[in-house]
């Protein structure tokens, strides 16, 4: 049965299902159709309350994958107007990586440079470059409070020779049995002292 027969003739779910394993061949067409269904809320015409319900029942795919398909289509076709041939030559997996840092690069030129790199390197190498961009962006945009907590986390892990998971596991054990009021009071006192300590260090370094 064609889901949108009489409503959206161009959406052929049967064809989509047969080709889901060939994502690199259909991601643009699929992104266009799914964006249309989501934006125009066509899933309600077919009796579904939510877009997720529609995806679960008709596509049997994770929303994570569906969101990546829509994001790639929106980023490179709708917003940046790249042609289908160019995008398919780069490949879906690489475009997912590049799209994840669209809001973190300085300008369109830097994004285009990254796409040019994507054409030449493996997904693994591209992901490494993308992760560096994310790290730089995070470092440049961290608040004072975020820097404090990162410093504190690293310091405690090093002092007690624990992984981050080990640190949080021990914190849970330490906090067990304490009242909420006691915990809040201790946290506020230590937080204030820590911020003062870090600010003093920063002043000494200047």
Protein backbone atom coordinates (compact mmCIF):
# COMPACT_ATOMS: atom_id res chain seq x y z
CA UNK A 1 0.00 0.00 0.00
CA UNK A 2 1.31 3.45 -0.89
CA UNK A 3 1.09 5.42 2.33
CA UNK A 4 0.25 8.78 0.79
CA UNK A 5 -1.77 7.63 -2.20
CA UNK A 6 -3.98 10.61 -3.11
CA UNK A 7 -1.95 12.85 -0.79
CA UNK A 8 1.69 12.63 -1.78
CA UNK A 9 2.22 10.47 -4.86
CA UNK A 10 5.97 11.01 -4.94
CA UNK A 11 6.60 9.33 -1.60
CA UNK A 12 6.98 5.64 -2.39
CA UNK A 13 7.72 3.81 0.87
CA UNK A 14 8.02 0.45 -0.84
CA UNK A 15 10.90 1.73 -2.95
CA UNK A 16 12.48 3.38 0.07
CA UNK A 17 12.38 0.18 2.14
CA UNK A 18 14.06 -1.82 -0.63
CA UNK A 19 16.90 0.67 -0.86
CA UNK A 20 17.60 1.51 2.77
CA UNK A 21 20.75 -0.59 2.62
CA UNK A 22 22.03 1.64 -0.19
CA UNK A 23 21.93 4.84 1.84
CA UNK A 24 24.63 6.53 -0.25
CA UNK A 25 22.42 6.24 -3.32
CA UNK A 26 19.18 7.59 -1.86
CA UNK A 27 20.01 9.89 1.08
CA UNK A 28 19.22 13.09 -0.81
CA UNK A 29 15.87 11.88 -2.13
CA UNK A 30 15.05 10.37 1.25
CA UNK A 31 16.06 13.56 3.05
CA UNK A 32 13.81 15.61 0.80
CA UNK A 33 10.81 13.31 1.33
CA UNK A 34 11.28 12.99 5.08
CA UNK A 35 11.75 16.75 5.48
CA UNK A 36 8.52 17.28 3.58
CA UNK A 37 6.63 14.77 5.70
CA UNK A 38 7.96 16.29 8.91
CA UNK A 39 7.59 19.97 8.01
CA UNK A 40 4.11 19.64 6.51
CA UNK A 41 3.07 17.12 9.18
CA UNK A 42 1.89 14.72 6.48
CA UNK A 43 2.26 11.82 8.92
CA UNK A 44 -0.99 12.95 10.53
CA UNK A 45 -2.79 12.39 7.21
CA UNK A 46 -1.74 8.76 7.48
CA UNK A 47 -3.07 8.37 11.02
CA UNK A 48 0.13 8.90 13.04
CA UNK A 49 0.28 11.29 15.97
CA UNK A 50 3.99 12.01 15.78
CA UNK A 51 6.77 11.93 13.21
CA UNK A 52 8.64 9.41 15.40
CA UNK A 53 5.63 7.08 15.40
CA UNK A 54 5.51 7.32 11.61
CA UNK A 55 9.21 6.46 11.35
CA UNK A 56 8.96 3.56 13.81
CA UNK A 57 6.04 1.97 12.00
CA UNK A 58 6.84 2.68 8.34
CA UNK A 59 10.63 2.72 8.22
CA UNK A 60 11.73 0.69 11.26
CA UNK A 61 14.84 2.88 11.54
CA UNK A 62 16.32 4.71 14.50
CA UNK A 63 15.48 8.38 14.82
CA UNK A 64 19.22 9.05 15.09
CA UNK A 65 19.74 7.89 11.49
CA UNK A 66 16.62 9.68 10.25
CA UNK A 67 17.72 12.93 11.89
CA UNK A 68 21.15 12.64 10.24
CA UNK A 69 19.53 12.15 6.83
CA UNK A 70 17.32 15.21 7.33
CA UNK A 71 20.21 17.29 8.72
CA UNK A 72 22.45 16.48 5.75
CA UNK A 73 19.68 17.35 3.28
CA UNK A 74 18.85 20.61 5.07
CA UNK A 75 22.47 21.65 5.48
CA UNK A 76 23.87 20.92 2.03
CA UNK A 77 20.85 21.08 -0.27
CA UNK A 78 18.43 23.57 1.29
CA UNK A 79 20.87 25.98 2.95
CA UNK A 80 24.05 25.66 0.87
CA UNK A 81 22.53 24.60 -2.46
CA UNK A 82 25.03 21.87 -3.35
CA UNK A 83 24.19 19.69 -6.32
CA UNK A 84 23.31 16.02 -5.96
CA UNK A 85 26.30 14.74 -7.93
CA UNK A 86 28.81 16.55 -5.70
CA UNK A 87 27.18 15.36 -2.49
CA UNK A 88 26.96 11.74 -3.59
CA UNK A 89 30.62 11.80 -4.62
CA UNK A 90 31.53 12.83 -1.07
CA UNK A 91 29.25 10.25 0.54
CA UNK A 92 26.64 10.25 3.28
CA UNK A 93 28.91 9.27 6.21
CA UNK A 94 31.37 12.08 5.46
CA UNK A 95 28.58 14.63 5.03
CA UNK A 96 27.22 13.66 8.45
CA UNK A 97 30.60 14.47 9.97
CA UNK A 98 30.88 17.83 8.20
CA UNK A 99 27.28 18.80 9.02
CA UNK A 100 27.98 18.21 12.72
CA UNK A 101 30.37 21.21 12.77
CA UNK A 102 28.47 23.57 10.44
CA UNK A 103 27.64 25.91 13.33
CA UNK A 104 31.17 25.64 14.72
CA UNK A 105 33.25 26.74 11.73
CA UNK A 106 34.03 30.42 11.16
CA UNK A 107 32.34 30.86 7.79
CA UNK A 108 31.11 29.17 4.60
CA UNK A 109 34.61 29.12 3.14
CA UNK A 110 35.92 27.05 6.04
CA UNK A 111 33.01 24.64 5.57
CA UNK A 112 33.77 24.36 1.85
CA UNK A 113 37.43 23.71 2.64
CA UNK A 114 36.37 20.93 4.99
CA UNK A 115 34.18 19.42 2.26
CA UNK A 116 37.15 19.48 -0.11
CA UNK A 117 39.19 17.59 2.49
CA UNK A 118 36.32 15.14 2.95
CA UNK A 119 36.51 14.14 -0.70
CA UNK A 120 40.16 13.14 -0.33
CA UNK A 121 40.37 11.39 3.04
CA UNK A 122 38.77 8.44 4.80
CA UNK A 123 35.83 8.80 7.19
CA UNK A 124 38.17 8.02 10.10
CA UNK A 125 40.64 10.77 9.12
CA UNK A 126 37.80 13.23 8.56
CA UNK A 127 36.28 12.41 11.94
CA UNK A 128 39.62 13.16 13.58
CA UNK A 129 39.70 16.60 11.93
CA UNK A 130 36.07 17.25 12.87
CA UNK A 131 36.78 16.34 16.49
CA UNK A 132 39.62 18.88 16.57
CA UNK A 133 37.26 21.57 15.29
CA UNK A 134 34.79 20.66 18.04
CA UNK A 135 37.53 20.80 20.69
CA UNK A 136 38.69 24.24 19.52
CA UNK A 137 35.12 25.52 19.45
CA UNK A 138 34.47 24.16 22.94
CA UNK A 139 37.65 25.72 24.29
CA UNK A 140 36.88 29.11 22.75
CA UNK A 141 33.28 29.16 23.99
CA UNK A 142 33.54 27.67 27.47
CA UNK A 143 32.10 29.70 30.32
CA UNK A 144 34.08 30.32 33.50
CA UNK A 145 31.91 27.80 35.32
CA UNK A 146 32.49 25.15 32.66
CA UNK A 147 36.24 25.72 32.88
CA UNK A 148 36.07 25.36 36.64
CA UNK A 149 34.30 22.03 36.48
CA UNK A 150 36.62 20.69 33.78
CA UNK A 151 39.61 21.70 35.88
CA UNK A 152 38.08 20.10 38.95
CA UNK A 153 37.24 16.87 37.12
CA UNK A 154 40.74 16.52 35.68
CA UNK A 155 42.39 17.34 38.99
CA UNK A 156 40.36 14.81 40.98
CA UNK A 157 40.83 12.06 38.41
CA UNK A 158 44.60 12.62 38.51
CA UNK A 159 44.77 12.90 42.32
CA UNK A 160 42.85 9.68 42.97
CA UNK A 161 44.03 7.83 39.85
CA UNK A 162 40.46 7.30 38.66
CA UNK A 163 38.71 7.36 35.33
CA UNK A 164 35.81 9.80 34.97
CA UNK A 165 33.36 6.94 35.49
CA UNK A 166 35.27 5.76 38.55
CA UNK A 167 35.22 9.28 39.94
CA UNK A 168 31.45 9.63 39.57
CA UNK A 169 30.85 6.13 40.96
CA UNK A 170 32.80 7.04 44.10
CA UNK A 171 30.98 10.35 44.37
CA UNK A 172 27.64 8.52 44.38
CA UNK A 173 28.83 6.27 47.19
CA UNK A 174 30.14 9.28 49.13
CA UNK A 175 26.83 11.15 48.76
CA UNK A 176 24.67 8.17 49.68
CA UNK A 177 22.84 8.79 52.93
CA UNK A 178 23.40 12.56 52.99
CA UNK A 179 20.44 14.93 53.08
CA UNK A 180 19.76 17.27 50.16
CA UNK A 181 20.24 20.30 52.40
CA UNK A 182 23.64 19.11 53.60
CA UNK A 183 24.80 18.38 50.04
CA UNK A 184 23.67 21.79 48.72
CA UNK A 185 25.44 23.61 51.56
CA UNK A 186 28.71 21.72 51.03
CA UNK A 187 28.57 22.21 47.26
CA UNK A 188 27.99 25.96 47.50
CA UNK A 189 30.87 26.39 49.97
CA UNK A 190 33.32 24.35 47.93
CA UNK A 191 32.20 25.90 44.64
CA UNK A 192 32.80 29.39 45.97
CA UNK A 193 36.22 28.46 47.33
CA UNK A 194 37.20 26.76 44.07
CA UNK A 195 36.21 29.71 41.88
CA UNK A 196 38.16 32.08 44.14
CA UNK A 197 41.19 29.78 43.94
CA UNK A 198 41.11 29.61 40.13
CA UNK A 199 40.55 33.37 39.74
CA UNK A 200 43.54 33.98 41.99
CA UNK A 201 45.66 31.68 39.87
CA UNK A 202 44.58 33.48 36.71
CA UNK A 203 45.51 36.86 38.21
CA UNK A 204 48.96 35.55 39.16
CA UNK A 205 49.56 34.31 35.62
CA UNK A 206 48.67 37.65 34.02
